[in-house]
Amino acid sequence: MKEKVQKVIDEIRPALQADGGNIELVEVQEDGVVKVKLLGACGSCPMSQLTLKRGVEARLKAKIPEVKEVVAV
């Protein structure tokens, strides 16, 4: 599943980079929790939780039903 998650993150990355940010996949747990690290402008942006939940998490859940939650570490 990690490869599938990485592929979707690679699709999302250009949108984050356009705003001066980035995302790094840290871990995909067996229980469906995906851990990511928000980098650059995304790391300090007050809207980062919104981006994480409505953007990254929503996209991952839509493409990979096994994903249950995305958390920033």
C-alpha atoms as a PDB file:
ATOM      1  CA  MET A   1       0.000   0.000   0.000  1.00  0.00           C
ATOM      2  CA  LYS A   2       2.938   2.337   0.624  1.00  0.00           C
ATOM      3  CA  GLU A   3       3.654   2.531  -3.112  1.00  0.00           C
ATOM      4  CA  LYS A   4       0.037   3.507  -3.851  1.00  0.00           C
ATOM      5  CA  VAL A   5       0.130   6.214  -1.179  1.00  0.00           C
ATOM      6  CA  GLN A   6       3.433   7.572  -2.497  1.00  0.00           C
ATOM      7  CA  LYS A   7       2.009   7.765  -6.010  1.00  0.00           C
ATOM      8  CA  VAL A   8      -0.982   9.846  -4.842  1.00  0.00           C
ATOM      9  CA  ILE A   9       1.280  12.096  -2.765  1.00  0.00           C
ATOM     10  CA  ASP A  10       3.431  12.633  -5.855  1.00  0.00           C
ATOM     11  CA  GLU A  11       0.263  13.768  -7.683  1.00  0.00           C
ATOM     12  CA  ILE A  12      -0.582  16.234  -4.879  1.00  0.00           C
ATOM     13  CA  ARG A  13       2.958  17.602  -4.453  1.00  0.00           C
ATOM     14  CA  PRO A  14       2.953  20.105  -7.379  1.00  0.00           C
ATOM     15  CA  ALA A  15      -0.033  21.967  -5.888  1.00  0.00           C
ATOM     16  CA  LEU A  16       1.744  22.287  -2.546  1.00  0.00           C
ATOM     17  CA  GLN A  17       4.998  23.333  -4.210  1.00  0.00           C
ATOM     18  CA  ALA A  18       3.148  26.065  -6.100  1.00  0.00           C
ATOM     19  CA  ASP A  19       2.426  27.660  -2.708  1.00  0.00           C
ATOM     20  CA  GLY A  20       5.980  27.204  -1.398  1.00  0.00           C
ATOM     21  CA  GLY A  21       5.354  23.975   0.482  1.00  0.00           C
ATOM     22  CA  ASN A  22       5.972  20.284   0.126  1.00  0.00           C
ATOM     23  CA  ILE A  23       4.973  16.948   1.641  1.00  0.00           C
ATOM     24  CA  GLU A  24       6.978  13.888   2.607  1.00  0.00           C
ATOM     25  CA  LEU A  25       5.606  10.418   3.289  1.00  0.00           C
ATOM     26  CA  VAL A  26       6.886   9.206   6.661  1.00  0.00           C
ATOM     27  CA  GLU A  27       4.991   5.966   7.291  1.00  0.00           C
ATOM     28  CA  VAL A  28       1.984   3.906   6.251  1.00  0.00           C
ATOM     29  CA  GLN A  29       0.713   1.855   9.160  1.00  0.00           C
ATOM     30  CA  GLU A  30      -1.128  -1.457   8.832  1.00  0.00           C
ATOM     31  CA  ASP A  31      -4.244   0.085  10.407  1.00  0.00           C
ATOM     32  CA  GLY A  32      -4.579   2.539   7.505  1.00  0.00           C
ATOM     33  CA  VAL A  33      -3.033   5.576   9.204  1.00  0.00           C
ATOM     34  CA  VAL A  34      -0.707   7.534   6.928  1.00  0.00           C
ATOM     35  CA  LYS A  35       1.919   9.756   8.539  1.00  0.00           C
ATOM     36  CA  VAL A  36       3.267  12.674   6.536  1.00  0.00           C
ATOM     37  CA  LYS A  37       5.533  15.629   7.159  1.00  0.00           C
ATOM     38  CA  LEU A  38       4.497  19.013   5.808  1.00  0.00           C
ATOM     39  CA  LEU A  39       7.516  21.008   4.683  1.00  0.00           C
ATOM     40  CA  GLY A  40       8.340  24.566   3.674  1.00  0.00           C
ATOM     41  CA  ALA A  41       5.445  27.007   3.802  1.00  0.00           C
ATOM     42  CA  CYS A  42       3.067  24.126   4.619  1.00  0.00           C
ATOM     43  CA  GLY A  43       4.871  23.462   7.888  1.00  0.00           C
ATOM     44  CA  SER A  44       4.036  26.880   9.327  1.00  0.00           C
ATOM     45  CA  CYS A  45       0.839  27.771   7.457  1.00  0.00           C
ATOM     46  CA  PRO A  46      -2.227  28.289   9.667  1.00  0.00           C
ATOM     47  CA  MET A  47      -4.288  26.501   6.994  1.00  0.00           C
ATOM     48  CA  SER A  48      -2.070  23.394   7.006  1.00  0.00           C
ATOM     49  CA  GLN A  49      -4.602  21.261   8.942  1.00  0.00           C
ATOM     50  CA  LEU A  50      -7.286  22.155   6.416  1.00  0.00           C
ATOM     51  CA  THR A  51      -4.936  21.273   3.563  1.00  0.00           C
ATOM     52  CA  LEU A  52      -4.027  18.019   5.307  1.00  0.00           C
ATOM     53  CA  LYS A  53      -7.601  16.878   5.994  1.00  0.00           C
ATOM     54  CA  ARG A  54      -9.610  18.257   3.065  1.00  0.00           C
ATOM     55  CA  GLY A  55      -6.851  18.015   0.503  1.00  0.00           C
ATOM     56  CA  VAL A  56      -4.355  15.254   1.193  1.00  0.00           C
ATOM     57  CA  GLU A  57      -6.538  12.954   3.312  1.00  0.00           C
ATOM     58  CA  ALA A  58      -9.605  13.320   1.092  1.00  0.00           C
ATOM     59  CA  ARG A  59      -7.604  12.548  -2.048  1.00  0.00           C
ATOM     60  CA  LEU A  60      -5.879   9.540  -0.494  1.00  0.00           C
ATOM     61  CA  LYS A  61      -9.162   8.109   0.846  1.00  0.00           C
ATOM     62  CA  ALA A  62     -10.838   8.576  -2.542  1.00  0.00           C
ATOM     63  CA  LYS A  63      -8.082   6.740  -4.394  1.00  0.00           C
ATOM     64  CA  ILE A  64      -7.108   4.202  -1.716  1.00  0.00           C
ATOM     65  CA  PRO A  65     -10.076   3.036   0.406  1.00  0.00           C
ATOM     66  CA  GLU A  66      -7.733   1.323   2.894  1.00  0.00           C
ATOM     67  CA  VAL A  67      -6.500   4.726   4.092  1.00  0.00           C
ATOM     68  CA  LYS A  68      -8.365   5.604   7.302  1.00  0.00           C
ATOM     69  CA  GLU A  69      -6.605   8.804   8.412  1.00  0.00           C
ATOM     70  CA  VAL A  70      -3.716  11.102   7.512  1.00  0.00           C
ATOM     71  CA  VAL A  71      -1.749  12.735  10.316  1.00  0.00           C
ATOM     72  CA  ALA A  72       1.120  15.204  10.302  1.00  0.00           C
ATOM     73  CA  VAL A  73       4.195  14.337  12.340  1.00  0.00           C
END
